Amino acid sequence: MQMKSTALTSAIAALLLLGAQGASASDYSALMKARKYPEMERLASAKLAQDPANAEAMAARTDAILAGGDETRIGEAVKQAEQCVAAQANNAGCHLVLGKALGSKAMNGGMMSAMGYAGTIRDSFKKAVELDPRNLDARFSLLQFYMMAPGIMGGGSSKAEALATQTIAVNADAGKLMQSMLALSDGKLAKAEADAVAVHAGTDDELLVQQEAQLVNVAFKFMADKKFADAERVFRDTLKRFPDSDNSHYGIARVQQEQGKHREALATFDLVLVKMPKPHVHYRIGQSQQALGDKAKAVASYEKALSFKSGLPKKLRSDAEDQLKTLKG
């Protein structure tokens, strides 16, 4: 394991040393996949220092900022994406990251903000698909917009269904996965699972990412419906397909927690925390520690969750604060 980690660190160092000369889409993709967002941003910035109009670097820097999860930097991501579109108006990647950045800004700004940006977000994704019909990231982003936005904001199920049908002609497996997403949205869990499992992603990184995410979403919906056996089954099946699926490990812990198996949940959360030291994980650990009567550890976990500048949903943040008041008496 140490050898693998060392090799990855060396590879990243080599990429950064290449700087502006050797940076490519695959380099950024490798860093994104390894969740090395600061390194990815530095590599993109090094490229931009020598070539300010480089579309791949501008898009990569935007993606890195957004993936980093720092809500205070969303405006910076939007500005970088806007510069990308201004400099390379015919580059699909620039329009795609603009849609993503504005989407993040809208979600953090509430309903009025979402309504204000909806048209630009939709048009950015549509333009990305138009410029590069085989860009699956753009297609899935547009699908998510259609599924989430009401008709008055340019979304709607009919548009989502039409896009899924059109996508089949471009990539049959991507279209099948979109059908799975639509089935899940309609509450048809059996179909959603079957369609997602039937997808043959092969070596397509974007399709692999989308397939893993969809299977995890199916499992969480089973859990929300209190179908815990099905939820755990899908989470574990997803782990077999995607051994590095942190969200599947987290999901298993959540299923254990929801069933009151708090000691098992804590053991699983400990494994998750090594690779995913996120505030919501600390929050969930605090919940199980509190349920087991370990007040001191629960207080430490809730305080750790609250110590993050961003990344903890408002509802969980509010509850963590309430639980701390209760625990501290």
Protein backbone atom coordinates (compact mmCIF):
# COMPACT_ATOMS: atom_id res chain seq x y z
CA MET A 1 0.00 0.00 0.00
CA GLN A 2 2.85 2.35 0.85
CA MET A 3 4.48 1.60 -2.49
CA LYS A 4 1.28 2.52 -4.30
CA SER A 5 1.02 5.77 -2.37
CA THR A 6 4.65 6.64 -3.03
CA ALA A 7 4.26 5.90 -6.72
CA LEU A 8 1.20 8.13 -6.91
CA THR A 9 3.00 10.94 -5.11
CA SER A 10 5.95 10.63 -7.50
CA ALA A 11 3.63 10.66 -10.50
CA ILE A 12 1.93 13.80 -9.26
CA ALA A 13 5.27 15.48 -8.64
CA ALA A 14 6.34 14.59 -12.16
CA LEU A 15 3.16 16.11 -13.58
CA LEU A 16 3.71 19.34 -11.68
CA LEU A 17 7.31 19.53 -12.85
CA LEU A 18 6.08 19.30 -16.41
CA GLY A 19 4.15 22.49 -15.74
CA ALA A 20 3.07 24.35 -18.81
CA GLN A 21 5.03 22.17 -21.20
CA GLY A 22 3.50 18.76 -20.64
CA ALA A 23 0.06 19.36 -19.14
CA SER A 24 -2.70 17.53 -20.99
CA ALA A 25 -6.32 16.52 -20.46
CA SER A 26 -5.20 13.09 -19.26
CA ASP A 27 -2.90 14.70 -16.68
CA TYR A 28 -5.77 16.72 -15.22
CA SER A 29 -8.03 13.68 -15.35
CA ALA A 30 -5.51 11.58 -13.42
CA LEU A 31 -5.26 14.20 -10.67
CA MET A 32 -9.05 14.57 -10.51
CA LYS A 33 -9.45 10.81 -10.22
CA ALA A 34 -6.87 10.74 -7.42
CA ARG A 35 -8.71 13.62 -5.72
CA LYS A 36 -5.56 15.71 -5.77
CA TYR A 37 -7.46 18.93 -6.36
CA PRO A 38 -4.82 21.40 -5.11
CA GLU A 39 -2.18 19.72 -7.30
CA MET A 40 -4.58 19.79 -10.24
CA GLU A 41 -5.18 23.51 -9.74
CA ARG A 42 -1.45 24.22 -9.47
CA LEU A 43 -0.76 22.31 -12.67
CA ALA A 44 -3.49 24.23 -14.50
CA SER A 45 -2.24 27.53 -13.09
CA ALA A 46 1.29 26.74 -14.23
CA LYS A 47 -0.01 26.14 -17.74
CA LEU A 48 -2.02 29.35 -17.70
CA ALA A 49 1.00 31.36 -16.58
CA GLN A 50 2.57 30.57 -19.97
CA ASP A 51 -0.58 30.19 -22.06
CA PRO A 52 -3.40 32.34 -20.54
CA ALA A 53 -5.93 31.31 -23.22
CA ASN A 54 -5.48 27.55 -22.84
CA ALA A 55 -9.00 26.10 -22.67
CA GLU A 56 -8.06 22.78 -21.07
CA ALA A 57 -6.16 24.54 -18.29
CA MET A 58 -8.95 27.03 -17.60
CA ALA A 59 -11.56 24.25 -17.51
CA ALA A 60 -9.32 22.10 -15.30
CA ARG A 61 -8.72 24.94 -12.85
CA THR A 62 -12.46 25.56 -12.63
CA ASP A 63 -13.13 21.87 -12.02
CA ALA A 64 -10.40 21.72 -9.36
CA ILE A 65 -11.82 24.70 -7.46
CA LEU A 66 -15.34 23.28 -7.53
CA ALA A 67 -14.19 19.79 -6.54
CA GLY A 68 -12.28 21.25 -3.59
CA GLY A 69 -15.62 22.04 -1.98
CA ASP A 70 -14.70 25.50 -0.65
CA GLU A 71 -17.94 27.47 -1.03
CA THR A 72 -16.08 30.77 -0.62
CA ARG A 73 -14.27 30.13 -3.92
CA ILE A 74 -17.32 29.48 -6.12
CA GLY A 75 -17.21 33.04 -7.43
CA GLU A 76 -13.60 32.49 -8.42
CA ALA A 77 -14.59 29.35 -10.30
CA VAL A 78 -17.35 31.24 -12.13
CA LYS A 79 -14.92 33.97 -13.14
CA GLN A 80 -12.40 31.43 -14.47
CA ALA A 81 -15.12 29.65 -16.45
CA GLU A 82 -16.37 32.93 -17.91
CA GLN A 83 -12.82 33.73 -19.02
CA CYS A 84 -12.66 30.30 -20.62
CA VAL A 85 -15.82 30.92 -22.66
CA ALA A 86 -14.70 34.43 -23.60
CA ALA A 87 -11.35 33.16 -24.86
CA GLN A 88 -12.54 29.90 -26.46
CA ALA A 89 -16.20 30.32 -27.42
CA ASN A 90 -16.22 27.12 -29.49
CA ASN A 91 -14.75 24.90 -26.79
CA ALA A 92 -17.30 22.51 -25.25
CA GLY A 93 -15.30 22.15 -22.05
CA CYS A 94 -15.48 25.89 -21.37
CA HIS A 95 -19.28 25.95 -21.65
CA LEU A 96 -19.53 22.80 -19.53
CA VAL A 97 -17.52 24.21 -16.61
CA LEU A 98 -19.44 27.50 -16.80
CA GLY A 99 -22.67 25.57 -16.37
CA LYS A 100 -21.21 23.63 -13.45
CA ALA A 101 -19.81 26.72 -11.74
CA LEU A 102 -23.05 28.66 -12.10
CA GLY A 103 -24.95 25.59 -10.89
CA SER A 104 -22.84 25.54 -7.72
CA LYS A 105 -23.41 29.26 -7.26
CA ALA A 106 -27.14 28.84 -7.72
CA MET A 107 -27.40 25.97 -5.24
CA ASN A 108 -25.57 27.98 -2.61
CA GLY A 109 -27.62 31.08 -3.24
CA GLY A 110 -31.12 29.71 -2.70
CA MET A 111 -34.23 29.61 -4.89
CA MET A 112 -34.04 33.19 -6.20
CA SER A 113 -30.43 32.67 -7.22
CA ALA A 114 -31.31 29.39 -8.93
CA MET A 115 -34.07 31.07 -10.92
CA GLY A 116 -31.73 33.85 -11.98
CA TYR A 117 -29.04 31.54 -13.30
CA ALA A 118 -31.21 28.68 -14.63
CA GLY A 119 -31.32 29.86 -18.23
CA THR A 120 -27.57 30.39 -18.48
CA ILE A 121 -26.85 27.04 -16.82
CA ARG A 122 -29.16 25.21 -19.24
CA ASP A 123 -27.78 27.03 -22.27
CA SER A 124 -24.19 26.35 -21.20
CA PHE A 125 -24.81 22.61 -20.99
CA LYS A 126 -26.78 22.61 -24.26
CA LYS A 127 -23.97 24.47 -26.01
CA ALA A 128 -21.41 21.99 -24.68
CA VAL A 129 -23.47 19.09 -26.06
CA GLU A 130 -23.93 20.89 -29.37
CA LEU A 131 -20.19 21.52 -29.74
CA ASP A 132 -19.20 18.02 -28.65
CA PRO A 133 -22.09 15.51 -28.96
CA ARG A 134 -19.93 12.70 -27.55
CA ASN A 135 -19.06 14.59 -24.36
CA LEU A 136 -20.85 12.43 -21.79
CA ASP A 137 -20.09 14.77 -18.91
CA ALA A 138 -21.99 17.50 -20.75
CA ARG A 139 -24.89 15.17 -21.56
CA PHE A 140 -25.26 13.94 -17.99
CA SER A 141 -24.99 17.51 -16.68
CA LEU A 142 -27.79 18.59 -19.01
CA LEU A 143 -29.88 15.60 -17.96
CA GLN A 144 -29.46 16.49 -14.29
CA PHE A 145 -30.57 20.03 -15.04
CA TYR A 146 -33.70 18.85 -16.86
CA MET A 147 -34.51 16.47 -14.00
CA MET A 148 -33.98 19.01 -11.22
CA ALA A 149 -35.37 22.21 -12.76
CA PRO A 150 -39.11 22.77 -13.12
CA GLY A 151 -40.61 23.56 -16.52
CA ILE A 152 -40.80 27.27 -15.77
CA MET A 153 -36.99 27.26 -15.39
CA GLY A 154 -36.36 25.27 -18.57
CA GLY A 155 -36.38 21.77 -17.11
CA GLY A 156 -38.92 18.98 -17.13
CA SER A 157 -39.24 15.21 -17.48
CA SER A 158 -40.16 15.32 -21.17
CA LYS A 159 -36.91 17.10 -22.01
CA ALA A 160 -34.96 14.65 -19.87
CA GLU A 161 -36.59 11.68 -21.61
CA ALA A 162 -35.89 13.18 -25.04
CA LEU A 163 -32.23 13.67 -24.17
CA ALA A 164 -31.93 10.08 -22.94
CA THR A 165 -33.43 8.81 -26.21
CA GLN A 166 -31.10 10.99 -28.28
CA THR A 167 -28.11 9.80 -26.24
CA ILE A 168 -28.79 6.15 -27.06
CA ALA A 169 -27.87 6.89 -30.68
CA VAL A 170 -24.56 8.41 -29.54
CA ASN A 171 -23.70 5.94 -26.77
CA ALA A 172 -26.12 3.09 -26.01
CA ASP A 173 -24.76 2.46 -22.52
CA ALA A 174 -24.90 6.13 -21.58
CA GLY A 175 -28.51 6.20 -22.77
CA LYS A 176 -29.29 3.12 -20.70
CA LEU A 177 -27.79 4.76 -17.63
CA MET A 178 -29.89 7.86 -18.24
CA GLN A 179 -32.97 5.64 -18.36
CA SER A 180 -31.92 4.27 -14.99
CA MET A 181 -31.75 7.81 -13.62
CA LEU A 182 -35.20 8.59 -14.95
CA ALA A 183 -36.59 5.38 -13.45
CA LEU A 184 -35.11 6.26 -10.06
CA SER A 185 -36.67 9.72 -10.29
CA ASP A 186 -40.04 8.01 -10.87
CA GLY A 187 -39.54 5.72 -7.87
CA LYS A 188 -39.06 2.58 -10.00
CA LEU A 189 -36.17 1.18 -7.99
CA ALA A 190 -36.09 -2.31 -9.52
CA LYS A 191 -35.83 -0.90 -13.04
CA ALA A 192 -33.34 1.75 -11.95
CA GLU A 193 -31.08 -0.91 -10.45
CA ALA A 194 -31.43 -3.32 -13.38
CA ASP A 195 -30.69 -0.63 -15.97
CA ALA A 196 -27.66 0.64 -14.05
CA VAL A 197 -26.23 -2.87 -13.60
CA ALA A 198 -26.75 -3.61 -17.32
CA VAL A 199 -24.44 -0.76 -18.36
CA HIS A 200 -21.09 -1.87 -19.80
CA ALA A 201 -18.89 1.11 -19.10
CA GLY A 202 -15.67 -0.58 -20.20
CA THR A 203 -12.77 1.85 -19.84
CA ASP A 204 -14.83 5.02 -20.27
CA ASP A 205 -13.93 7.02 -17.15
CA GLU A 206 -16.95 9.32 -17.33
CA LEU A 207 -19.38 6.44 -17.76
CA LEU A 208 -17.72 4.56 -14.90
CA VAL A 209 -18.10 7.59 -12.63
CA GLN A 210 -21.75 8.00 -13.58
CA GLN A 211 -22.51 4.29 -13.16
CA GLU A 212 -20.98 4.17 -9.68
CA ALA A 213 -22.85 7.31 -8.65
CA GLN A 214 -26.15 5.94 -9.94
CA LEU A 215 -25.79 2.62 -8.13
CA VAL A 216 -25.00 4.52 -4.92
CA ASN A 217 -28.08 6.70 -5.48
CA VAL A 218 -30.23 3.61 -5.93
CA ALA A 219 -28.89 2.16 -2.67
CA PHE A 220 -29.54 5.38 -0.76
CA LYS A 221 -33.12 5.45 -2.07
CA PHE A 222 -33.61 1.89 -0.81
CA MET A 223 -32.32 3.09 2.55
CA ALA A 224 -34.64 6.11 2.55
CA ASP A 225 -37.53 3.67 1.94
CA LYS A 226 -36.36 1.60 4.95
CA LYS A 227 -35.46 -1.32 2.68
CA PHE A 228 -32.19 -1.84 4.50
CA ALA A 229 -31.38 -5.32 3.16
CA ASP A 230 -31.70 -4.08 -0.42
CA ALA A 231 -29.70 -0.95 0.37
CA GLU A 232 -26.80 -2.88 1.87
CA ARG A 233 -26.92 -5.42 -0.97
CA VAL A 234 -26.58 -2.70 -3.62
CA PHE A 235 -23.85 -0.89 -1.66
CA ARG A 236 -21.84 -4.10 -1.35
CA ASP A 237 -22.39 -5.03 -5.00
CA THR A 238 -21.18 -1.56 -5.98
CA LEU A 239 -18.05 -2.09 -3.87
CA LYS A 240 -17.33 -5.28 -5.79
CA ARG A 241 -17.60 -3.37 -9.05
CA PHE A 242 -15.81 -0.27 -7.73
CA PRO A 243 -13.45 -1.28 -4.88
CA ASP A 244 -12.46 2.36 -4.29
CA SER A 245 -16.05 3.53 -3.88
CA ASP A 246 -15.85 5.59 -0.68
CA ASN A 247 -19.54 6.46 -0.98
CA SER A 248 -20.44 2.77 -0.90
CA HIS A 249 -18.43 2.26 2.29
CA TYR A 250 -20.12 5.33 3.75
CA GLY A 251 -23.50 4.00 2.64
CA ILE A 252 -22.94 0.68 4.40
CA ALA A 253 -22.11 2.57 7.59
CA ARG A 254 -25.28 4.63 7.23
CA VAL A 255 -27.40 1.50 6.76
CA GLN A 256 -25.86 0.02 9.92
CA GLN A 257 -26.50 3.28 11.76
CA GLU A 258 -30.11 3.51 10.61
CA GLN A 259 -30.71 0.02 12.00
CA GLY A 260 -29.20 0.95 15.37
CA LYS A 261 -26.04 -1.11 14.81
CA HIS A 262 -23.88 1.71 16.09
CA ARG A 263 -20.74 -0.25 17.00
CA GLU A 264 -20.66 -1.80 13.53
CA ALA A 265 -21.34 1.60 12.02
CA LEU A 266 -18.45 3.21 13.92
CA ALA A 267 -16.05 0.52 12.72
CA THR A 268 -17.12 1.16 9.14
CA PHE A 269 -17.03 4.94 9.54
CA ASP A 270 -13.44 4.65 10.78
CA LEU A 271 -12.50 3.01 7.47
CA VAL A 272 -14.36 5.72 5.55
CA LEU A 273 -12.68 8.53 7.48
CA VAL A 274 -9.21 7.47 6.33
CA LYS A 275 -10.05 8.17 2.69
CA MET A 276 -12.92 10.63 3.11
CA PRO A 277 -12.21 12.99 6.05
CA LYS A 278 -15.31 15.05 5.39
CA PRO A 279 -17.41 16.99 7.91
CA HIS A 280 -20.54 14.89 7.34
CA VAL A 281 -18.60 11.75 8.25
CA HIS A 282 -17.53 13.29 11.57
CA TYR A 283 -21.15 14.31 12.14
CA ARG A 284 -22.42 10.77 11.58
CA ILE A 285 -19.70 9.35 13.85
CA GLY A 286 -20.86 11.77 16.52
CA GLN A 287 -24.42 10.47 16.15
CA SER A 288 -23.40 6.87 16.81
CA GLN A 289 -21.10 7.82 19.68
CA GLN A 290 -23.95 9.78 21.23
CA ALA A 291 -26.33 6.84 20.79
CA LEU A 292 -23.82 4.61 22.61
CA GLY A 293 -23.58 7.08 25.48
CA ASP A 294 -20.01 8.20 24.82
CA LYS A 295 -20.63 11.91 25.36
CA ALA A 296 -17.01 13.06 25.32
CA LYS A 297 -16.27 11.44 21.96
CA ALA A 298 -19.59 12.63 20.52
CA VAL A 299 -18.77 16.21 21.52
CA ALA A 300 -15.34 15.94 19.87
CA SER A 301 -16.85 14.55 16.66
CA TYR A 302 -19.57 17.20 16.41
CA GLU A 303 -17.02 19.94 17.09
CA LYS A 304 -14.75 18.48 14.41
CA ALA A 305 -17.64 18.49 11.92
CA LEU A 306 -18.38 22.12 12.73
CA SER A 307 -14.73 23.12 12.41
CA PHE A 308 -14.86 22.79 8.62
CA LYS A 309 -15.43 26.10 6.86
CA SER A 310 -17.74 24.47 4.32
CA GLY A 311 -19.08 21.10 3.20
CA LEU A 312 -21.52 20.42 6.05
CA PRO A 313 -25.15 20.89 4.93
CA LYS A 314 -27.07 23.56 6.86
CA LYS A 315 -29.48 21.03 8.34
CA LEU A 316 -26.66 18.86 9.71
CA ARG A 317 -24.75 21.91 10.96
CA SER A 318 -27.80 23.13 12.85
CA ASP A 319 -28.40 19.70 14.37
CA ALA A 320 -24.75 19.34 15.39
CA GLU A 321 -24.97 22.67 17.19
CA ASP A 322 -28.18 21.57 18.94
CA GLN A 323 -26.66 18.24 19.99
CA LEU A 324 -23.61 20.00 21.43
CA LYS A 325 -25.86 22.19 23.58
CA THR A 326 -27.62 19.08 24.85
CA LEU A 327 -24.41 17.13 25.50
CA LYS A 328 -22.71 20.02 27.26
CA GLY A 329 -25.79 20.65 29.37
